[in-house]
Amino acid sequence: MSARGINFLDKWMAEHLPNVITDDPGAITDLADQAMKAAEKEGISANEISDEVGSVFEVILEAMKNRAGGEGE
């Protein structure tokens, strides 16, 4: 497992999510795809990220819920 996977995702979300608030699953899927493509460009495999966080979609969805003032679960 790789801590660089979670570190990359944290940094990517900090840079890209402040301008986005959505609960649309399609939009969140697009964001997750963008994150994974950016990771690949940095030489970080999808496995390195998913080993650390599981589903990138779920991580971004939770971030959106928390930013929108939702209480999560």
C-alpha atoms as a PDB file:
ATOM      1  CA  MET A   1       0.000   0.000   0.000  1.00  0.00           C
ATOM      2  CA  SER A   2       1.093   3.540  -0.643  1.00  0.00           C
ATOM      3  CA  ALA A   3       0.621   6.665   1.417  1.00  0.00           C
ATOM      4  CA  ARG A   4       1.418   8.682  -1.690  1.00  0.00           C
ATOM      5  CA  GLY A   5      -1.953   7.604  -3.125  1.00  0.00           C
ATOM      6  CA  ILE A   6      -3.931   9.181  -0.281  1.00  0.00           C
ATOM      7  CA  ASN A   7      -1.604  12.182  -0.208  1.00  0.00           C
ATOM      8  CA  PHE A   8      -2.183  12.761  -3.916  1.00  0.00           C
ATOM      9  CA  LEU A   9      -5.960  12.473  -3.544  1.00  0.00           C
ATOM     10  CA  ASP A  10      -6.007  14.853  -0.569  1.00  0.00           C
ATOM     11  CA  LYS A  11      -4.006  17.439  -2.494  1.00  0.00           C
ATOM     12  CA  TRP A  12      -6.078  16.990  -5.663  1.00  0.00           C
ATOM     13  CA  MET A  13      -9.336  17.423  -3.765  1.00  0.00           C
ATOM     14  CA  ALA A  14      -8.023  20.527  -1.972  1.00  0.00           C
ATOM     15  CA  GLU A  15      -7.132  22.065  -5.327  1.00  0.00           C
ATOM     16  CA  HIS A  16     -10.191  21.024  -7.341  1.00  0.00           C
ATOM     17  CA  LEU A  17     -13.192  20.714  -5.056  1.00  0.00           C
ATOM     18  CA  PRO A  18     -13.401  24.225  -3.557  1.00  0.00           C
ATOM     19  CA  ASN A  19     -15.105  25.469  -6.714  1.00  0.00           C
ATOM     20  CA  VAL A  20     -17.593  22.585  -6.915  1.00  0.00           C
ATOM     21  CA  ILE A  21     -20.643  21.755  -4.840  1.00  0.00           C
ATOM     22  CA  THR A  22     -22.821  18.973  -6.167  1.00  0.00           C
ATOM     23  CA  ASP A  23     -24.653  15.871  -5.102  1.00  0.00           C
ATOM     24  CA  ASP A  24     -25.149  14.712  -8.690  1.00  0.00           C
ATOM     25  CA  PRO A  25     -23.707  11.192  -8.992  1.00  0.00           C
ATOM     26  CA  GLY A  26     -22.756  11.802 -12.619  1.00  0.00           C
ATOM     27  CA  ALA A  27     -20.768  14.914 -11.742  1.00  0.00           C
ATOM     28  CA  ILE A  28     -19.070  13.114  -8.864  1.00  0.00           C
ATOM     29  CA  THR A  29     -18.182  10.233 -11.176  1.00  0.00           C
ATOM     30  CA  ASP A  30     -16.618  12.753 -13.549  1.00  0.00           C
ATOM     31  CA  LEU A  31     -14.602  14.269 -10.687  1.00  0.00           C
ATOM     32  CA  ALA A  32     -13.411  10.827  -9.603  1.00  0.00           C
ATOM     33  CA  ASP A  33     -12.372  10.077 -13.188  1.00  0.00           C
ATOM     34  CA  GLN A  34     -10.510  13.381 -13.389  1.00  0.00           C
ATOM     35  CA  ALA A  35      -8.680  12.604 -10.150  1.00  0.00           C
ATOM     36  CA  MET A  36      -7.642   9.178 -11.369  1.00  0.00           C
ATOM     37  CA  LYS A  37      -6.423  10.555 -14.713  1.00  0.00           C
ATOM     38  CA  ALA A  38      -4.393  13.188 -12.881  1.00  0.00           C
ATOM     39  CA  ALA A  39      -2.925  10.475 -10.645  1.00  0.00           C
ATOM     40  CA  GLU A  40      -1.906   8.434 -13.665  1.00  0.00           C
ATOM     41  CA  LYS A  41      -0.112  11.473 -15.099  1.00  0.00           C
ATOM     42  CA  GLU A  42       1.826  11.676 -11.834  1.00  0.00           C
ATOM     43  CA  GLY A  43       2.751   8.004 -12.053  1.00  0.00           C
ATOM     44  CA  ILE A  44       0.338   6.920  -9.333  1.00  0.00           C
ATOM     45  CA  SER A  45      -1.730   3.855 -10.145  1.00  0.00           C
ATOM     46  CA  ALA A  46      -5.409   3.505  -9.354  1.00  0.00           C
ATOM     47  CA  ASN A  47      -4.493   0.636  -7.019  1.00  0.00           C
ATOM     48  CA  GLU A  48      -2.285   2.889  -4.918  1.00  0.00           C
ATOM     49  CA  ILE A  49      -5.247   5.152  -4.263  1.00  0.00           C
ATOM     50  CA  SER A  50      -7.951   2.512  -3.926  1.00  0.00           C
ATOM     51  CA  ASP A  51      -5.786   0.478  -1.525  1.00  0.00           C
ATOM     52  CA  GLU A  52      -5.789   3.479   0.781  1.00  0.00           C
ATOM     53  CA  VAL A  53      -9.303   4.885   0.384  1.00  0.00           C
ATOM     54  CA  GLY A  54     -11.421   2.248  -1.293  1.00  0.00           C
ATOM     55  CA  SER A  55     -13.778   4.134  -3.591  1.00  0.00           C
ATOM     56  CA  VAL A  56     -12.649   7.530  -4.872  1.00  0.00           C
ATOM     57  CA  PHE A  57     -16.296   8.206  -5.752  1.00  0.00           C
ATOM     58  CA  GLU A  58     -17.319   7.652  -2.118  1.00  0.00           C
ATOM     59  CA  VAL A  59     -14.502   9.869  -0.814  1.00  0.00           C
ATOM     60  CA  ILE A  60     -15.538  12.733  -3.086  1.00  0.00           C
ATOM     61  CA  LEU A  61     -19.239  12.176  -2.320  1.00  0.00           C
ATOM     62  CA  GLU A  62     -18.528  12.407   1.427  1.00  0.00           C
ATOM     63  CA  ALA A  63     -16.435  15.528   0.900  1.00  0.00           C
ATOM     64  CA  MET A  64     -19.315  17.106  -0.997  1.00  0.00           C
ATOM     65  CA  LYS A  65     -21.816  16.188   1.708  1.00  0.00           C
ATOM     66  CA  ASN A  66     -19.600  17.680   4.392  1.00  0.00           C
ATOM     67  CA  ARG A  67     -18.935  20.866   2.410  1.00  0.00           C
ATOM     68  CA  ALA A  68     -22.601  21.385   1.681  1.00  0.00           C
ATOM     69  CA  GLY A  69     -23.329  21.337   5.406  1.00  0.00           C
ATOM     70  CA  GLY A  70     -24.644  17.805   5.428  1.00  0.00           C
ATOM     71  CA  GLU A  71     -24.048  15.665   8.422  1.00  0.00           C
ATOM     72  CA  GLY A  72     -23.007  12.563   6.507  1.00  0.00           C
ATOM     73  CA  GLU A  73     -24.243   9.430   8.160  1.00  0.00           C
END
